Amino acid sequence: MGIISIENLEKLATSGNSDANYELGLRYYKGIGVDVDYTKAKGYFETAINGGCNAAAYYLGMIYYNGKGTVTNHSKAKEYFEKSEADNNIFSSYYLGKIYYWGDGVEKNVEKATSYKSKVLAKPFFANQDTDIENFYSFSDFEDVTRTYATNLQKKVQNEFTSLFGKEFQNL
């Protein structure tokens, strides 16, 4: 099955298909086959959410969090991240924790931030990471967090191989 054209997605979206609205939102958000247009993405994501597609909530949260195509509004971002986080979106868990840790648009709440951090760290990729909460929420975005943890995981695996099999496995 090939990629659906923008024109066909627009027809589906106009007929009320929330998945098509979500897909169009993603394409405009990421610039897939179209120029990046956060204002259009925002509209498609809002329509998708109103149609029951909660997957769009994370991206709408990011639009408000970063002020792309609209004014930065961390309170509004929080609302959408909560909707997405209810569907176990780990990215939303991270941003909710960050919002509460720094008090961005909400009253600062380290306890809530710690709870969200625990949800993220409970995922296998992040398991056994030892980091203080300020460090955790100092990253500019979740991609920076994942890159850092991937590097740490790689170093940990290399160290384990070296201790098990000697230095010849050190540079794997």
C-alpha atoms as a PDB file:
ATOM      1  CA  MET A   1       0.000   0.000   0.000  1.00  0.00           C
ATOM      2  CA  GLY A   2       1.435   3.356  -1.026  1.00  0.00           C
ATOM      3  CA  ILE A   3       1.341   6.701   0.651  1.00  0.00           C
ATOM      4  CA  ILE A   4      -2.014   8.446   0.359  1.00  0.00           C
ATOM      5  CA  SER A   5      -1.824  11.732  -1.527  1.00  0.00           C
ATOM      6  CA  ILE A   6      -2.515  15.043   0.168  1.00  0.00           C
ATOM      7  CA  GLU A   7      -5.534  15.505  -2.096  1.00  0.00           C
ATOM      8  CA  ASN A   8      -7.052  12.170  -1.068  1.00  0.00           C
ATOM      9  CA  LEU A   9      -6.314  12.834   2.595  1.00  0.00           C
ATOM     10  CA  GLU A  10      -8.018  16.222   2.299  1.00  0.00           C
ATOM     11  CA  LYS A  11     -11.104  14.545   0.793  1.00  0.00           C
ATOM     12  CA  LEU A  12     -11.182  12.046   3.638  1.00  0.00           C
ATOM     13  CA  ALA A  13     -10.596  14.774   6.216  1.00  0.00           C
ATOM     14  CA  THR A  14     -13.398  16.891   4.779  1.00  0.00           C
ATOM     15  CA  SER A  15     -15.738  13.908   5.086  1.00  0.00           C
ATOM     16  CA  GLY A  16     -14.965  13.788   8.835  1.00  0.00           C
ATOM     17  CA  ASN A  17     -12.299  11.103   8.969  1.00  0.00           C
ATOM     18  CA  SER A  18     -10.309  11.909  12.131  1.00  0.00           C
ATOM     19  CA  ASP A  19      -7.390   9.657  11.115  1.00  0.00           C
ATOM     20  CA  ALA A  20      -7.037  11.610   7.860  1.00  0.00           C
ATOM     21  CA  ASN A  21      -7.025  14.862   9.843  1.00  0.00           C
ATOM     22  CA  TYR A  22      -4.340  13.432  12.100  1.00  0.00           C
ATOM     23  CA  GLU A  23      -2.247  12.312   9.117  1.00  0.00           C
ATOM     24  CA  LEU A  24      -2.563  15.735   7.473  1.00  0.00           C
ATOM     25  CA  GLY A  25      -1.583  17.370  10.743  1.00  0.00           C
ATOM     26  CA  LEU A  26       1.524  15.190  10.916  1.00  0.00           C
ATOM     27  CA  ARG A  27       2.474  15.972   7.351  1.00  0.00           C
ATOM     28  CA  TYR A  28       2.205  19.722   7.877  1.00  0.00           C
ATOM     29  CA  TYR A  29       3.898  19.500  11.288  1.00  0.00           C
ATOM     30  CA  LYS A  30       6.876  17.538   9.948  1.00  0.00           C
ATOM     31  CA  GLY A  31       6.922  18.785   6.352  1.00  0.00           C
ATOM     32  CA  ILE A  32       6.219  15.394   4.762  1.00  0.00           C
ATOM     33  CA  GLY A  33       5.341  16.034   1.113  1.00  0.00           C
ATOM     34  CA  VAL A  34       4.341  19.606   1.955  1.00  0.00           C
ATOM     35  CA  ASP A  35       5.999  22.677   3.416  1.00  0.00           C
ATOM     36  CA  VAL A  36       5.970  22.833   7.210  1.00  0.00           C
ATOM     37  CA  ASP A  37       2.915  24.830   8.260  1.00  0.00           C
ATOM     38  CA  TYR A  38       2.198  24.726  11.990  1.00  0.00           C
ATOM     39  CA  THR A  39      -1.000  26.739  11.618  1.00  0.00           C
ATOM     40  CA  LYS A  40      -2.458  24.152   9.224  1.00  0.00           C
ATOM     41  CA  ALA A  41      -1.124  21.316  11.377  1.00  0.00           C
ATOM     42  CA  LYS A  42      -2.806  22.841  14.428  1.00  0.00           C
ATOM     43  CA  GLY A  43      -6.155  23.006  12.644  1.00  0.00           C
ATOM     44  CA  TYR A  44      -5.939  19.398  11.466  1.00  0.00           C
ATOM     45  CA  PHE A  45      -4.871  18.165  14.900  1.00  0.00           C
ATOM     46  CA  GLU A  46      -7.749  20.024  16.578  1.00  0.00           C
ATOM     47  CA  THR A  47     -10.226  18.481  14.139  1.00  0.00           C
ATOM     48  CA  ALA A  48      -8.695  15.024  14.684  1.00  0.00           C
ATOM     49  CA  ILE A  49      -9.011  15.364  18.469  1.00  0.00           C
ATOM     50  CA  ASN A  50     -12.611  16.549  18.172  1.00  0.00           C
ATOM     51  CA  GLY A  51     -13.238  13.424  16.100  1.00  0.00           C
ATOM     52  CA  GLY A  52     -11.819  11.189  18.829  1.00  0.00           C
ATOM     53  CA  CYS A  53      -8.224  10.758  17.655  1.00  0.00           C
ATOM     54  CA  ASN A  54      -6.256  11.349  20.872  1.00  0.00           C
ATOM     55  CA  ALA A  55      -2.955  10.593  19.132  1.00  0.00           C
ATOM     56  CA  ALA A  56      -3.091  14.154  17.795  1.00  0.00           C
ATOM     57  CA  ALA A  57      -3.095  15.563  21.343  1.00  0.00           C
ATOM     58  CA  TYR A  58       0.668  15.135  21.786  1.00  0.00           C
ATOM     59  CA  TYR A  59       1.473  17.142  18.662  1.00  0.00           C
ATOM     60  CA  LEU A  60      -1.032  19.827  19.531  1.00  0.00           C
ATOM     61  CA  GLY A  61       0.589  19.998  22.950  1.00  0.00           C
ATOM     62  CA  MET A  62       3.973  20.474  21.269  1.00  0.00           C
ATOM     63  CA  ILE A  63       2.600  23.259  19.089  1.00  0.00           C
ATOM     64  CA  TYR A  64       1.416  25.154  22.177  1.00  0.00           C
ATOM     65  CA  TYR A  65       4.493  24.226  24.219  1.00  0.00           C
ATOM     66  CA  ASN A  66       6.896  25.606  21.608  1.00  0.00           C
ATOM     67  CA  GLY A  67       4.657  28.370  20.233  1.00  0.00           C
ATOM     68  CA  LYS A  68       4.774  27.084  16.663  1.00  0.00           C
ATOM     69  CA  GLY A  69       2.002  28.598  14.560  1.00  0.00           C
ATOM     70  CA  THR A  70       0.472  30.077  17.702  1.00  0.00           C
ATOM     71  CA  VAL A  71       1.451  31.829  20.902  1.00  0.00           C
ATOM     72  CA  THR A  72       3.364  29.741  23.457  1.00  0.00           C
ATOM     73  CA  ASN A  73       0.859  28.555  26.025  1.00  0.00           C
ATOM     74  CA  HIS A  74       2.142  25.988  28.510  1.00  0.00           C
ATOM     75  CA  SER A  75      -1.238  25.735  30.244  1.00  0.00           C
ATOM     76  CA  LYS A  76      -2.887  24.760  26.968  1.00  0.00           C
ATOM     77  CA  ALA A  77       0.027  22.425  26.169  1.00  0.00           C
ATOM     78  CA  LYS A  78      -0.508  20.763  29.554  1.00  0.00           C
ATOM     79  CA  GLU A  79      -4.164  20.064  28.704  1.00  0.00           C
ATOM     80  CA  TYR A  80      -3.214  18.304  25.482  1.00  0.00           C
ATOM     81  CA  PHE A  81      -0.285  16.450  27.028  1.00  0.00           C
ATOM     82  CA  GLU A  82      -2.644  15.161  29.741  1.00  0.00           C
ATOM     83  CA  LYS A  83      -5.041  13.858  27.098  1.00  0.00           C
ATOM     84  CA  SER A  84      -2.176  12.144  25.275  1.00  0.00           C
ATOM     85  CA  GLU A  85      -0.556  10.888  28.475  1.00  0.00           C
ATOM     86  CA  ALA A  86      -3.834   9.177  29.400  1.00  0.00           C
ATOM     87  CA  ASP A  87      -3.142   6.980  26.345  1.00  0.00           C
ATOM     88  CA  ASN A  88       0.330   6.173  27.770  1.00  0.00           C
ATOM     89  CA  ASN A  89       2.287   8.536  25.531  1.00  0.00           C
ATOM     90  CA  ILE A  90       5.741   8.610  27.155  1.00  0.00           C
ATOM     91  CA  PHE A  91       6.650  11.839  25.364  1.00  0.00           C
ATOM     92  CA  SER A  92       3.687  13.561  26.982  1.00  0.00           C
ATOM     93  CA  SER A  93       4.735  12.167  30.376  1.00  0.00           C
ATOM     94  CA  TYR A  94       8.125  13.804  29.903  1.00  0.00           C
ATOM     95  CA  TYR A  95       6.710  17.199  28.958  1.00  0.00           C
ATOM     96  CA  LEU A  96       4.146  17.156  31.763  1.00  0.00           C
ATOM     97  CA  GLY A  97       6.941  16.497  34.227  1.00  0.00           C
ATOM     98  CA  LYS A  98       8.999  19.282  32.706  1.00  0.00           C
ATOM     99  CA  ILE A  99       6.068  21.716  32.926  1.00  0.00           C
ATOM    100  CA  TYR A 100       5.527  20.873  36.598  1.00  0.00           C
ATOM    101  CA  TYR A 101       9.217  20.861  37.457  1.00  0.00           C
ATOM    102  CA  TRP A 102       9.866  24.318  36.061  1.00  0.00           C
ATOM    103  CA  GLY A 103       6.418  25.737  36.845  1.00  0.00           C
ATOM    104  CA  ASP A 104       5.715  26.597  33.195  1.00  0.00           C
ATOM    105  CA  GLY A 105       2.106  27.780  33.125  1.00  0.00           C
ATOM    106  CA  VAL A 106       1.303  25.876  36.307  1.00  0.00           C
ATOM    107  CA  GLU A 107       2.320  26.058  39.928  1.00  0.00           C
ATOM    108  CA  LYS A 108       5.684  24.342  40.330  1.00  0.00           C
ATOM    109  CA  ASN A 109       5.165  20.850  41.729  1.00  0.00           C
ATOM    110  CA  VAL A 110       8.283  18.711  42.132  1.00  0.00           C
ATOM    111  CA  GLU A 111       6.218  15.787  43.435  1.00  0.00           C
ATOM    112  CA  LYS A 112       4.182  15.631  40.203  1.00  0.00           C
ATOM    113  CA  ALA A 113       7.333  16.149  38.137  1.00  0.00           C
ATOM    114  CA  THR A 114       8.961  13.233  39.958  1.00  0.00           C
ATOM    115  CA  SER A 115       5.905  11.066  39.324  1.00  0.00           C
ATOM    116  CA  TYR A 116       6.065  11.760  35.581  1.00  0.00           C
ATOM    117  CA  LYS A 117       9.814  11.168  35.589  1.00  0.00           C
ATOM    118  CA  SER A 118       9.175   7.772  37.182  1.00  0.00           C
ATOM    119  CA  LYS A 119       6.720   6.889  34.405  1.00  0.00           C
ATOM    120  CA  VAL A 120       9.347   7.681  31.790  1.00  0.00           C
ATOM    121  CA  LEU A 121      12.098   5.820  33.606  1.00  0.00           C
ATOM    122  CA  ALA A 122       9.809   2.786  34.016  1.00  0.00           C
ATOM    123  CA  LYS A 123      10.023   2.183  30.265  1.00  0.00           C
ATOM    124  CA  PRO A 124      12.641  -0.476  29.432  1.00  0.00           C
ATOM    125  CA  PHE A 125      14.791   1.846  27.321  1.00  0.00           C
ATOM    126  CA  PHE A 126      15.204   4.213  30.260  1.00  0.00           C
ATOM    127  CA  ALA A 127      15.420   1.624  33.034  1.00  0.00           C
ATOM    128  CA  ASN A 128      18.238   1.916  35.548  1.00  0.00           C
ATOM    129  CA  GLN A 129      19.162   5.443  34.574  1.00  0.00           C
ATOM    130  CA  ASP A 130      20.616   7.405  37.426  1.00  0.00           C
ATOM    131  CA  THR A 131      19.979  11.095  36.979  1.00  0.00           C
ATOM    132  CA  ASP A 132      18.815  13.867  39.237  1.00  0.00           C
ATOM    133  CA  ILE A 133      15.516  15.505  38.398  1.00  0.00           C
ATOM    134  CA  GLU A 134      16.931  18.901  37.419  1.00  0.00           C
ATOM    135  CA  ASN A 135      19.270  17.250  34.933  1.00  0.00           C
ATOM    136  CA  PHE A 136      16.387  15.181  33.603  1.00  0.00           C
ATOM    137  CA  TYR A 137      14.232  18.226  32.884  1.00  0.00           C
ATOM    138  CA  SER A 138      17.081  20.448  31.637  1.00  0.00           C
ATOM    139  CA  PHE A 139      17.063  18.940  28.159  1.00  0.00           C
ATOM    140  CA  SER A 140      15.584  21.148  25.466  1.00  0.00           C
ATOM    141  CA  ASP A 141      13.416  18.319  24.161  1.00  0.00           C
ATOM    142  CA  PHE A 142      12.682  14.656  24.626  1.00  0.00           C
ATOM    143  CA  GLU A 143      14.839  13.703  21.650  1.00  0.00           C
ATOM    144  CA  ASP A 144      17.849  15.059  23.558  1.00  0.00           C
ATOM    145  CA  VAL A 145      16.883  12.852  26.505  1.00  0.00           C
ATOM    146  CA  THR A 146      16.632   9.747  24.335  1.00  0.00           C
ATOM    147  CA  ARG A 147      19.962  10.460  22.609  1.00  0.00           C
ATOM    148  CA  THR A 148      21.660  10.878  25.976  1.00  0.00           C
ATOM    149  CA  TYR A 149      20.165   7.687  27.351  1.00  0.00           C
ATOM    150  CA  ALA A 150      21.066   5.775  24.186  1.00  0.00           C
ATOM    151  CA  THR A 151      24.675   6.908  24.601  1.00  0.00           C
ATOM    152  CA  ASN A 152      24.635   5.932  28.284  1.00  0.00           C
ATOM    153  CA  LEU A 153      23.114   2.557  27.431  1.00  0.00           C
ATOM    154  CA  GLN A 154      25.759   1.940  24.774  1.00  0.00           C
ATOM    155  CA  LYS A 155      28.536   2.781  27.256  1.00  0.00           C
ATOM    156  CA  LYS A 156      26.988   0.489  29.859  1.00  0.00           C
ATOM    157  CA  VAL A 157      26.796  -2.404  27.388  1.00  0.00           C
ATOM    158  CA  GLN A 158      30.410  -1.810  26.284  1.00  0.00           C
ATOM    159  CA  ASN A 159      31.566  -1.831  29.902  1.00  0.00           C
ATOM    160  CA  GLU A 160      29.678  -5.058  30.596  1.00  0.00           C
ATOM    161  CA  PHE A 161      31.201  -6.739  27.518  1.00  0.00           C
ATOM    162  CA  THR A 162      34.658  -5.556  28.519  1.00  0.00           C
ATOM    163  CA  SER A 163      34.263  -6.898  32.057  1.00  0.00           C
ATOM    164  CA  LEU A 164      32.920 -10.226  30.753  1.00  0.00           C
ATOM    165  CA  PHE A 165      35.170 -10.792  27.741  1.00  0.00           C
ATOM    166  CA  GLY A 166      38.180  -8.522  28.104  1.00  0.00           C
ATOM    167  CA  LYS A 167      39.446  -5.435  26.313  1.00  0.00           C
ATOM    168  CA  GLU A 168      39.134  -6.886  22.805  1.00  0.00           C
ATOM    169  CA  PHE A 169      35.366  -6.227  23.035  1.00  0.00           C
ATOM    170  CA  GLN A 170      35.807  -2.668  24.277  1.00  0.00           C
ATOM    171  CA  ASN A 171      35.297  -0.972  20.888  1.00  0.00           C
ATOM    172  CA  LEU A 172      32.260  -2.902  19.644  1.00  0.00           C
END
